[in-house]
Amino acid sequence: MDKEIIHKFIVNALSEDVGDGDHTSLSTIEAGTQGKAKLLVKDTGILAGVELALEIFREVDPNLKVTVFLNDGAEVKPKDIALEVEGDAQAILKAERLVLNCMQRMSGIATTTHQIVDLLKGTNTKVLDTRKTTPGLRYLEKWAVRIGGGVNHRFGLYDMILIKDNHVDYSGGIRQAIENANKYLADTGKKLAIEIEVRNLEELEQVLQTGNVNRILIDNFNFDQLRQAVAMIQGRYITEASGGITIDNIRDYADCGVDYVSVGALTHSVKSLDLSLKAVKL
């Protein structure tokens, strides 16, 4: 966990939610009232965001006492209790929605990722996330992918060179794009991996003739073409398949022999896991 990123996120999220005060709690609950609440699981899946919840409670009120019963990555079912928090009732309610919003979203992502990881058992293929994330929540969403057993692709535009179809077209072709990328790295002294997307076997052949890349993204190939592409590459480069990959067909893609499959739906189309925070009388 990158505490600097997490701290900035929590401060911004609380500012968005609380504004100049939680006036409902301030107006109805006497200052200093002590309370306890338990975080209830209402769905089946993989729990994620517990470590983040601890940071949120700590930011809202360092005096809140949190007891964790289930950790990140735990398989959960309805009626499970993930954690209990005790202390100032107003502080508990101030933190409530942010904790739930984050944990529900992260747990949904971890659950979907875990389902895919299970489907890939027995193959050498791993599932990757993408940059198709919610603005401002990328760190949390990619964290949830890891909790679910998946692998993070690049975090942003700055930590890898990924030459996609538009880059190829704008630069004048496969060879020119690869040569431009390598020259840029030589000129700047940056140490970045280069991945290039291919749309057909002809483009793949151009990449193989040019070389000087680390990974090949095989996009929107059917299964026969994908198997042929893997055979052409012969293990010389890391292979990644993308485009139209779902839970229903991901095992078929893996059986074609690619190293990775990337699934944007891990972070852009998941169903949140149902959780709630319920007050407990002291």
C-alpha atoms as a PDB file:
ATOM      1  CA  MET A   1       0.000   0.000   0.000  1.00  0.00           C
ATOM      2  CA  ASP A   2       1.319   3.408  -1.013  1.00  0.00           C
ATOM      3  CA  LYS A   3       0.330   5.442   2.036  1.00  0.00           C
ATOM      4  CA  GLU A   4       0.903   8.782   0.313  1.00  0.00           C
ATOM      5  CA  ILE A   5      -1.544   7.936  -2.480  1.00  0.00           C
ATOM      6  CA  ILE A   6      -4.034   6.513   0.004  1.00  0.00           C
ATOM      7  CA  HIS A   7      -3.828   9.545   2.295  1.00  0.00           C
ATOM      8  CA  LYS A   8      -4.493  11.957  -0.572  1.00  0.00           C
ATOM      9  CA  PHE A   9      -7.414   9.831  -1.753  1.00  0.00           C
ATOM     10  CA  ILE A  10      -9.022   9.680   1.694  1.00  0.00           C
ATOM     11  CA  VAL A  11      -8.640  13.418   2.313  1.00  0.00           C
ATOM     12  CA  ASN A  12     -10.180  14.267  -1.059  1.00  0.00           C
ATOM     13  CA  ALA A  13     -12.992  11.738  -0.673  1.00  0.00           C
ATOM     14  CA  LEU A  14     -13.901  12.957   2.812  1.00  0.00           C
ATOM     15  CA  SER A  15     -13.851  16.552   1.621  1.00  0.00           C
ATOM     16  CA  GLU A  16     -16.248  15.651  -1.186  1.00  0.00           C
ATOM     17  CA  ASP A  17     -18.617  13.838   1.173  1.00  0.00           C
ATOM     18  CA  VAL A  18     -18.453  15.789   4.414  1.00  0.00           C
ATOM     19  CA  GLY A  19     -18.042  19.362   3.172  1.00  0.00           C
ATOM     20  CA  ASP A  20     -18.472  21.700   6.127  1.00  0.00           C
ATOM     21  CA  GLY A  21     -19.881  18.967   8.354  1.00  0.00           C
ATOM     22  CA  ASP A  22     -22.069  15.874   8.700  1.00  0.00           C
ATOM     23  CA  HIS A  23     -25.014  17.955   9.802  1.00  0.00           C
ATOM     24  CA  THR A  24     -27.348  14.987  10.300  1.00  0.00           C
ATOM     25  CA  SER A  25     -25.068  13.402  12.891  1.00  0.00           C
ATOM     26  CA  LEU A  26     -24.112  16.744  14.406  1.00  0.00           C
ATOM     27  CA  SER A  27     -27.765  17.670  14.868  1.00  0.00           C
ATOM     28  CA  THR A  28     -29.108  14.334  16.150  1.00  0.00           C
ATOM     29  CA  ILE A  29     -26.296  12.717  18.153  1.00  0.00           C
ATOM     30  CA  GLU A  30     -24.940  14.337  21.284  1.00  0.00           C
ATOM     31  CA  ALA A  31     -21.235  15.135  21.069  1.00  0.00           C
ATOM     32  CA  GLY A  32     -19.102  12.515  22.777  1.00  0.00           C
ATOM     33  CA  THR A  33     -21.647   9.706  22.329  1.00  0.00           C
ATOM     34  CA  GLN A  34     -19.857   6.385  22.112  1.00  0.00           C
ATOM     35  CA  GLY A  35     -20.959   3.656  19.727  1.00  0.00           C
ATOM     36  CA  LYS A  36     -20.027   0.421  18.039  1.00  0.00           C
ATOM     37  CA  ALA A  37     -20.784  -0.843  14.521  1.00  0.00           C
ATOM     38  CA  LYS A  38     -20.139  -4.064  12.669  1.00  0.00           C
ATOM     39  CA  LEU A  39     -19.449  -4.370   8.973  1.00  0.00           C
ATOM     40  CA  LEU A  40     -21.788  -7.058   7.677  1.00  0.00           C
ATOM     41  CA  VAL A  41     -21.324  -9.091   4.504  1.00  0.00           C
ATOM     42  CA  LYS A  42     -24.569  -9.563   2.545  1.00  0.00           C
ATOM     43  CA  ASP A  43     -23.194 -11.345  -0.511  1.00  0.00           C
ATOM     44  CA  THR A  44     -20.869 -14.173  -1.531  1.00  0.00           C
ATOM     45  CA  GLY A  45     -17.427 -13.319  -2.866  1.00  0.00           C
ATOM     46  CA  ILE A  46     -13.910 -12.167  -2.057  1.00  0.00           C
ATOM     47  CA  LEU A  47     -13.414  -9.423   0.522  1.00  0.00           C
ATOM     48  CA  ALA A  48     -11.197  -6.476  -0.398  1.00  0.00           C
ATOM     49  CA  GLY A  49     -10.517  -3.050   1.068  1.00  0.00           C
ATOM     50  CA  VAL A  50     -10.056  -3.981   4.729  1.00  0.00           C
ATOM     51  CA  GLU A  51      -6.609  -2.370   4.904  1.00  0.00           C
ATOM     52  CA  LEU A  52      -8.027   0.731   3.249  1.00  0.00           C
ATOM     53  CA  ALA A  53     -10.911   0.828   5.729  1.00  0.00           C
ATOM     54  CA  LEU A  54      -8.427   0.879   8.599  1.00  0.00           C
ATOM     55  CA  GLU A  55      -6.731   3.919   7.055  1.00  0.00           C
ATOM     56  CA  ILE A  56     -10.078   5.677   6.572  1.00  0.00           C
ATOM     57  CA  PHE A  57     -11.142   5.135  10.177  1.00  0.00           C
ATOM     58  CA  ARG A  58      -7.699   6.298  11.340  1.00  0.00           C
ATOM     59  CA  GLU A  59      -7.921   9.460   9.236  1.00  0.00           C
ATOM     60  CA  VAL A  60     -11.410  10.299  10.502  1.00  0.00           C
ATOM     61  CA  ASP A  61     -10.571   9.643  14.156  1.00  0.00           C
ATOM     62  CA  PRO A  62      -7.327   8.028  15.372  1.00  0.00           C
ATOM     63  CA  ASN A  63      -9.121   7.047  18.591  1.00  0.00           C
ATOM     64  CA  LEU A  64     -11.535   4.696  16.836  1.00  0.00           C
ATOM     65  CA  LYS A  65     -10.836   1.087  17.779  1.00  0.00           C
ATOM     66  CA  VAL A  66     -11.184  -1.361  14.884  1.00  0.00           C
ATOM     67  CA  THR A  67     -11.214  -5.132  15.319  1.00  0.00           C
ATOM     68  CA  VAL A  68     -10.704  -7.064  12.086  1.00  0.00           C
ATOM     69  CA  PHE A  69     -12.228 -10.534  11.765  1.00  0.00           C
ATOM     70  CA  LEU A  70     -11.729 -11.119   8.025  1.00  0.00           C
ATOM     71  CA  ASN A  71      -8.742  -9.934   6.009  1.00  0.00           C
ATOM     72  CA  ASP A  72      -8.362  -8.897   2.385  1.00  0.00           C
ATOM     73  CA  GLY A  73      -8.680 -11.910   0.095  1.00  0.00           C
ATOM     74  CA  ALA A  74     -10.972 -13.862   2.426  1.00  0.00           C
ATOM     75  CA  GLU A  75     -13.850 -15.802   0.909  1.00  0.00           C
ATOM     76  CA  VAL A  76     -17.023 -14.409   2.452  1.00  0.00           C
ATOM     77  CA  LYS A  77     -20.722 -15.209   2.576  1.00  0.00           C
ATOM     78  CA  PRO A  78     -23.880 -13.484   3.864  1.00  0.00           C
ATOM     79  CA  LYS A  79     -23.957 -12.786   7.612  1.00  0.00           C
ATOM     80  CA  ASP A  80     -20.160 -12.820   7.945  1.00  0.00           C
ATOM     81  CA  ILE A  81     -18.766  -9.936  10.014  1.00  0.00           C
ATOM     82  CA  ALA A  82     -15.676  -8.390   8.444  1.00  0.00           C
ATOM     83  CA  LEU A  83     -14.819  -5.981  11.253  1.00  0.00           C
ATOM     84  CA  GLU A  84     -16.133  -4.006  14.204  1.00  0.00           C
ATOM     85  CA  VAL A  85     -15.417  -0.371  14.951  1.00  0.00           C
ATOM     86  CA  GLU A  86     -15.929   1.297  18.326  1.00  0.00           C
ATOM     87  CA  GLY A  87     -15.608   4.876  19.516  1.00  0.00           C
ATOM     88  CA  ASP A  88     -17.121   8.281  18.812  1.00  0.00           C
ATOM     89  CA  ALA A  89     -20.482   7.691  17.115  1.00  0.00           C
ATOM     90  CA  GLN A  90     -20.270  10.824  14.979  1.00  0.00           C
ATOM     91  CA  ALA A  91     -16.852   9.734  13.690  1.00  0.00           C
ATOM     92  CA  ILE A  92     -18.098   6.242  12.846  1.00  0.00           C
ATOM     93  CA  LEU A  93     -20.923   7.695  10.769  1.00  0.00           C
ATOM     94  CA  LYS A  94     -18.605  10.163   9.059  1.00  0.00           C
ATOM     95  CA  ALA A  95     -16.440   7.279   7.869  1.00  0.00           C
ATOM     96  CA  GLU A  96     -19.280   4.884   7.093  1.00  0.00           C
ATOM     97  CA  ARG A  97     -20.114   5.694   3.481  1.00  0.00           C
ATOM     98  CA  LEU A  98     -16.523   6.069   2.304  1.00  0.00           C
ATOM     99  CA  VAL A  99     -15.597   2.727   3.852  1.00  0.00           C
ATOM    100  CA  LEU A 100     -18.596   0.998   2.270  1.00  0.00           C
ATOM    101  CA  ASN A 101     -18.222   2.597  -1.156  1.00  0.00           C
ATOM    102  CA  CYS A 102     -14.570   1.569  -1.360  1.00  0.00           C
ATOM    103  CA  MET A 103     -14.933  -1.915   0.072  1.00  0.00           C
ATOM    104  CA  GLN A 104     -17.994  -2.776  -2.015  1.00  0.00           C
ATOM    105  CA  ARG A 105     -16.261  -1.696  -5.233  1.00  0.00           C
ATOM    106  CA  MET A 106     -12.958  -3.354  -4.383  1.00  0.00           C
ATOM    107  CA  SER A 107     -14.642  -6.570  -3.243  1.00  0.00           C
ATOM    108  CA  GLY A 108     -16.629  -6.754  -6.476  1.00  0.00           C
ATOM    109  CA  ILE A 109     -13.429  -6.439  -8.513  1.00  0.00           C
ATOM    110  CA  ALA A 110     -11.597  -8.983  -6.357  1.00  0.00           C
ATOM    111  CA  THR A 111     -14.507 -11.409  -6.661  1.00  0.00           C
ATOM    112  CA  THR A 112     -14.650 -11.221 -10.455  1.00  0.00           C
ATOM    113  CA  THR A 113     -10.868 -11.509 -10.713  1.00  0.00           C
ATOM    114  CA  HIS A 114     -10.869 -14.550  -8.449  1.00  0.00           C
ATOM    115  CA  GLN A 115     -13.508 -16.237 -10.618  1.00  0.00           C
ATOM    116  CA  ILE A 116     -11.308 -15.753 -13.687  1.00  0.00           C
ATOM    117  CA  VAL A 117      -8.181 -16.944 -11.898  1.00  0.00           C
ATOM    118  CA  ASP A 118     -10.044 -20.135 -11.017  1.00  0.00           C
ATOM    119  CA  LEU A 119     -11.047 -20.601 -14.654  1.00  0.00           C
ATOM    120  CA  LEU A 120      -7.392 -20.317 -15.705  1.00  0.00           C
ATOM    121  CA  LYS A 121      -6.133 -23.015 -13.334  1.00  0.00           C
ATOM    122  CA  GLY A 122      -4.156 -25.680 -15.153  1.00  0.00           C
ATOM    123  CA  THR A 123      -2.870 -23.224 -17.763  1.00  0.00           C
ATOM    124  CA  ASN A 124       0.190 -20.981 -17.755  1.00  0.00           C
ATOM    125  CA  THR A 125      -1.960 -17.940 -18.522  1.00  0.00           C
ATOM    126  CA  LYS A 126      -2.536 -15.076 -16.084  1.00  0.00           C
ATOM    127  CA  VAL A 127      -5.210 -12.382 -16.160  1.00  0.00           C
ATOM    128  CA  LEU A 128      -4.267  -8.709 -16.502  1.00  0.00           C
ATOM    129  CA  ASP A 129      -6.239  -5.575 -15.780  1.00  0.00           C
ATOM    130  CA  THR A 130      -6.179  -2.487 -18.030  1.00  0.00           C
ATOM    131  CA  ARG A 131      -6.349   1.317 -17.764  1.00  0.00           C
ATOM    132  CA  LYS A 132     -10.144   1.131 -18.114  1.00  0.00           C
ATOM    133  CA  THR A 133     -10.592   2.294 -14.547  1.00  0.00           C
ATOM    134  CA  THR A 134     -12.647   4.881 -12.684  1.00  0.00           C
ATOM    135  CA  PRO A 135     -10.806   8.239 -12.663  1.00  0.00           C
ATOM    136  CA  GLY A 136      -9.388   8.814  -9.199  1.00  0.00           C
ATOM    137  CA  LEU A 137      -9.897   5.179  -8.163  1.00  0.00           C
ATOM    138  CA  ARG A 138      -7.287   3.446 -10.316  1.00  0.00           C
ATOM    139  CA  TYR A 139      -4.963   2.643  -7.429  1.00  0.00           C
ATOM    140  CA  LEU A 140      -7.791   1.055  -5.437  1.00  0.00           C
ATOM    141  CA  GLU A 141      -9.177  -0.874  -8.387  1.00  0.00           C
ATOM    142  CA  LYS A 142      -5.802  -2.296  -9.383  1.00  0.00           C
ATOM    143  CA  TRP A 143      -5.139  -3.133  -5.735  1.00  0.00           C
ATOM    144  CA  ALA A 144      -8.384  -5.120  -5.736  1.00  0.00           C
ATOM    145  CA  VAL A 145      -7.283  -7.019  -8.845  1.00  0.00           C
ATOM    146  CA  ARG A 146      -4.153  -8.143  -6.992  1.00  0.00           C
ATOM    147  CA  ILE A 147      -6.216  -9.192  -3.974  1.00  0.00           C
ATOM    148  CA  GLY A 148      -8.332 -11.325  -6.318  1.00  0.00           C
ATOM    149  CA  GLY A 149      -5.221 -13.049  -7.673  1.00  0.00           C
ATOM    150  CA  GLY A 150      -4.819 -11.106 -10.918  1.00  0.00           C
ATOM    151  CA  VAL A 151      -1.833  -9.201 -12.268  1.00  0.00           C
ATOM    152  CA  ASN A 152      -1.568  -5.465 -12.824  1.00  0.00           C
ATOM    153  CA  HIS A 153      -0.682  -4.241 -16.301  1.00  0.00           C
ATOM    154  CA  ARG A 154       0.893  -0.784 -16.556  1.00  0.00           C
ATOM    155  CA  PHE A 155      -0.493   1.670 -14.040  1.00  0.00           C
ATOM    156  CA  GLY A 156      -0.618   4.633 -16.402  1.00  0.00           C
ATOM    157  CA  LEU A 157       0.884   6.191 -19.492  1.00  0.00           C
ATOM    158  CA  TYR A 158       4.201   6.765 -17.747  1.00  0.00           C
ATOM    159  CA  ASP A 159       5.409   3.298 -16.727  1.00  0.00           C
ATOM    160  CA  MET A 160       5.412   1.424 -20.035  1.00  0.00           C
ATOM    161  CA  ILE A 161       5.404   2.051 -23.772  1.00  0.00           C
ATOM    162  CA  LEU A 162       2.326   0.381 -25.249  1.00  0.00           C
ATOM    163  CA  ILE A 163       2.152   0.995 -28.990  1.00  0.00           C
ATOM    164  CA  LYS A 164      -1.470   0.520 -30.027  1.00  0.00           C
ATOM    165  CA  ASP A 165      -3.187   0.756 -33.396  1.00  0.00           C
ATOM    166  CA  ASN A 166      -3.554   4.544 -33.308  1.00  0.00           C
ATOM    167  CA  HIS A 167       0.121   4.985 -32.473  1.00  0.00           C
ATOM    168  CA  VAL A 168       1.076   2.721 -35.371  1.00  0.00           C
ATOM    169  CA  ASP A 169      -1.171   4.616 -37.787  1.00  0.00           C
ATOM    170  CA  TYR A 170       0.016   8.058 -36.666  1.00  0.00           C
ATOM    171  CA  SER A 171       3.696   7.102 -36.772  1.00  0.00           C
ATOM    172  CA  GLY A 172       3.550   5.574 -40.259  1.00  0.00           C
ATOM    173  CA  GLY A 173       3.606   1.853 -39.594  1.00  0.00           C
ATOM    174  CA  ILE A 174       4.839  -0.965 -37.373  1.00  0.00           C
ATOM    175  CA  ARG A 175       8.559  -0.635 -38.065  1.00  0.00           C
ATOM    176  CA  GLN A 176       8.568   3.149 -37.756  1.00  0.00           C
ATOM    177  CA  ALA A 177       6.630   3.040 -34.473  1.00  0.00           C
ATOM    178  CA  ILE A 178       9.059   0.544 -32.928  1.00  0.00           C
ATOM    179  CA  GLU A 179      12.116   2.441 -34.165  1.00  0.00           C
ATOM    180  CA  ASN A 180      10.692   5.729 -32.872  1.00  0.00           C
ATOM    181  CA  ALA A 181      10.012   4.179 -29.450  1.00  0.00           C
ATOM    182  CA  ASN A 182      13.515   2.756 -29.119  1.00  0.00           C
ATOM    183  CA  LYS A 183      15.094   6.041 -30.206  1.00  0.00           C
ATOM    184  CA  TYR A 184      13.004   7.873 -27.611  1.00  0.00           C
ATOM    185  CA  LEU A 185      14.257   5.532 -24.872  1.00  0.00           C
ATOM    186  CA  ALA A 186      17.849   5.974 -26.027  1.00  0.00           C
ATOM    187  CA  ASP A 187      17.491   9.764 -26.130  1.00  0.00           C
ATOM    188  CA  THR A 188      15.792  10.087 -22.742  1.00  0.00           C
ATOM    189  CA  GLY A 189      17.617   7.322 -20.886  1.00  0.00           C
ATOM    190  CA  LYS A 190      14.332   5.905 -19.645  1.00  0.00           C
ATOM    191  CA  LYS A 191      14.096   2.196 -18.820  1.00  0.00           C
ATOM    192  CA  LEU A 192      10.650   1.194 -20.034  1.00  0.00           C
ATOM    193  CA  ALA A 193       9.341  -2.046 -21.521  1.00  0.00           C
ATOM    194  CA  ILE A 194       7.891  -1.820 -25.020  1.00  0.00           C
ATOM    195  CA  GLU A 195       4.703  -3.626 -25.970  1.00  0.00           C
ATOM    196  CA  ILE A 196       3.091  -3.429 -29.398  1.00  0.00           C
ATOM    197  CA  GLU A 197      -0.411  -4.335 -30.514  1.00  0.00           C
ATOM    198  CA  VAL A 198      -0.951  -6.301 -33.719  1.00  0.00           C
ATOM    199  CA  ARG A 199      -4.264  -6.515 -35.550  1.00  0.00           C
ATOM    200  CA  ASN A 200      -3.470  -9.360 -37.925  1.00  0.00           C
ATOM    201  CA  LEU A 201      -0.803 -11.904 -38.801  1.00  0.00           C
ATOM    202  CA  GLU A 202       0.791  -9.577 -41.349  1.00  0.00           C
ATOM    203  CA  GLU A 203       1.444  -6.975 -38.665  1.00  0.00           C
ATOM    204  CA  LEU A 204       2.774  -9.705 -36.396  1.00  0.00           C
ATOM    205  CA  GLU A 205       5.260 -10.738 -39.076  1.00  0.00           C
ATOM    206  CA  GLN A 206       6.431  -7.121 -39.337  1.00  0.00           C
ATOM    207  CA  VAL A 207       6.992  -7.013 -35.575  1.00  0.00           C
ATOM    208  CA  LEU A 208       8.960 -10.256 -35.655  1.00  0.00           C
ATOM    209  CA  GLN A 209      11.139  -8.925 -38.469  1.00  0.00           C
ATOM    210  CA  THR A 210      11.753  -5.629 -36.641  1.00  0.00           C
ATOM    211  CA  GLY A 211      12.275  -6.935 -33.100  1.00  0.00           C
ATOM    212  CA  ASN A 212      13.287  -4.597 -30.254  1.00  0.00           C
ATOM    213  CA  VAL A 213      10.068  -5.066 -28.255  1.00  0.00           C
ATOM    214  CA  ASN A 214       9.344  -6.931 -25.028  1.00  0.00           C
ATOM    215  CA  ARG A 215       5.723  -7.957 -25.401  1.00  0.00           C
ATOM    216  CA  ILE A 216       3.229  -8.466 -28.213  1.00  0.00           C
ATOM    217  CA  LEU A 217      -0.459  -7.677 -27.722  1.00  0.00           C
ATOM    218  CA  ILE A 218      -2.551  -9.888 -30.002  1.00  0.00           C
ATOM    219  CA  ASP A 219      -5.827  -8.051 -30.392  1.00  0.00           C
ATOM    220  CA  ASN A 220      -9.176  -9.417 -31.579  1.00  0.00           C
ATOM    221  CA  PHE A 221      -7.805 -12.630 -33.126  1.00  0.00           C
ATOM    222  CA  ASN A 222     -10.024 -15.690 -33.403  1.00  0.00           C
ATOM    223  CA  PHE A 223      -8.780 -18.871 -31.747  1.00  0.00           C
ATOM    224  CA  ASP A 224      -7.191 -20.368 -34.878  1.00  0.00           C
ATOM    225  CA  GLN A 225      -5.363 -17.102 -35.623  1.00  0.00           C
ATOM    226  CA  LEU A 226      -4.268 -16.774 -32.001  1.00  0.00           C
ATOM    227  CA  ARG A 227      -2.803 -20.275 -31.943  1.00  0.00           C
ATOM    228  CA  GLN A 228      -0.995 -19.497 -35.200  1.00  0.00           C
ATOM    229  CA  ALA A 229       0.335 -16.230 -33.738  1.00  0.00           C
ATOM    230  CA  VAL A 230       1.671 -18.001 -30.637  1.00  0.00           C
ATOM    231  CA  ALA A 231       3.373 -20.569 -32.871  1.00  0.00           C
ATOM    232  CA  MET A 232       4.978 -17.802 -34.948  1.00  0.00           C
ATOM    233  CA  ILE A 233       6.311 -16.031 -31.865  1.00  0.00           C
ATOM    234  CA  GLN A 234       7.853 -19.265 -30.525  1.00  0.00           C
ATOM    235  CA  GLY A 235       8.296 -17.919 -27.010  1.00  0.00           C
ATOM    236  CA  ARG A 236      10.625 -15.110 -28.105  1.00  0.00           C
ATOM    237  CA  TYR A 237       8.328 -12.446 -26.636  1.00  0.00           C
ATOM    238  CA  ILE A 238       5.746 -12.250 -23.872  1.00  0.00           C
ATOM    239  CA  THR A 239       2.296 -12.680 -25.411  1.00  0.00           C
ATOM    240  CA  GLU A 240      -0.960 -11.034 -24.396  1.00  0.00           C
ATOM    241  CA  ALA A 241      -4.420 -11.549 -25.885  1.00  0.00           C
ATOM    242  CA  SER A 242      -7.164  -8.921 -25.707  1.00  0.00           C
ATOM    243  CA  GLY A 243     -10.462  -7.994 -27.296  1.00  0.00           C
ATOM    244  CA  GLY A 244     -13.821  -9.664 -26.707  1.00  0.00           C
ATOM    245  CA  ILE A 245     -12.574 -11.759 -23.801  1.00  0.00           C
ATOM    246  CA  THR A 246     -15.258 -12.712 -21.260  1.00  0.00           C
ATOM    247  CA  ILE A 247     -15.692 -15.157 -18.408  1.00  0.00           C
ATOM    248  CA  ASP A 248     -17.435 -17.483 -20.856  1.00  0.00           C
ATOM    249  CA  ASN A 249     -14.538 -17.710 -23.329  1.00  0.00           C
ATOM    250  CA  ILE A 250     -11.412 -16.813 -21.350  1.00  0.00           C
ATOM    251  CA  ARG A 251     -10.378 -20.435 -20.843  1.00  0.00           C
ATOM    252  CA  ASP A 252     -10.477 -20.936 -24.632  1.00  0.00           C
ATOM    253  CA  TYR A 253      -8.118 -17.977 -25.067  1.00  0.00           C
ATOM    254  CA  ALA A 254      -5.778 -19.354 -22.422  1.00  0.00           C
ATOM    255  CA  ASP A 255      -5.742 -22.753 -24.110  1.00  0.00           C
ATOM    256  CA  CYS A 256      -4.254 -21.047 -27.189  1.00  0.00           C
ATOM    257  CA  GLY A 257      -1.021 -20.685 -25.218  1.00  0.00           C
ATOM    258  CA  VAL A 258      -0.754 -16.947 -24.490  1.00  0.00           C
ATOM    259  CA  ASP A 259       1.053 -15.734 -21.375  1.00  0.00           C
ATOM    260  CA  TYR A 260      -1.595 -13.180 -20.445  1.00  0.00           C
ATOM    261  CA  VAL A 261      -5.179 -12.259 -21.194  1.00  0.00           C
ATOM    262  CA  SER A 262      -6.238  -8.676 -20.494  1.00  0.00           C
ATOM    263  CA  VAL A 263      -9.805  -8.010 -19.403  1.00  0.00           C
ATOM    264  CA  GLY A 264     -11.034  -4.426 -19.151  1.00  0.00           C
ATOM    265  CA  ALA A 265     -14.267  -5.622 -17.556  1.00  0.00           C
ATOM    266  CA  LEU A 266     -12.354  -6.431 -14.359  1.00  0.00           C
ATOM    267  CA  THR A 267     -12.460  -2.758 -13.459  1.00  0.00           C
ATOM    268  CA  HIS A 268     -15.114  -1.141 -15.641  1.00  0.00           C
ATOM    269  CA  SER A 269     -18.094  -3.503 -15.479  1.00  0.00           C
ATOM    270  CA  VAL A 270     -18.116  -5.304 -12.147  1.00  0.00           C
ATOM    271  CA  LYS A 271     -20.984  -5.660  -9.692  1.00  0.00           C
ATOM    272  CA  SER A 272     -20.168  -4.355  -6.241  1.00  0.00           C
ATOM    273  CA  LEU A 273     -20.323  -6.774  -3.332  1.00  0.00           C
ATOM    274  CA  ASP A 274     -23.163  -5.945  -0.947  1.00  0.00           C
ATOM    275  CA  LEU A 275     -21.887  -4.784   2.453  1.00  0.00           C
ATOM    276  CA  SER A 276     -23.391  -2.700   5.244  1.00  0.00           C
ATOM    277  CA  LEU A 277     -22.334  -1.056   8.499  1.00  0.00           C
ATOM    278  CA  LYS A 278     -24.814  -1.617  11.328  1.00  0.00           C
ATOM    279  CA  ALA A 279     -24.837   0.100  14.698  1.00  0.00           C
ATOM    280  CA  VAL A 280     -24.533  -2.088  17.801  1.00  0.00           C
ATOM    281  CA  LYS A 281     -25.860  -0.864  21.141  1.00  0.00           C
ATOM    282  CA  LEU A 282     -23.238  -0.591  23.885  1.00  0.00           C
END
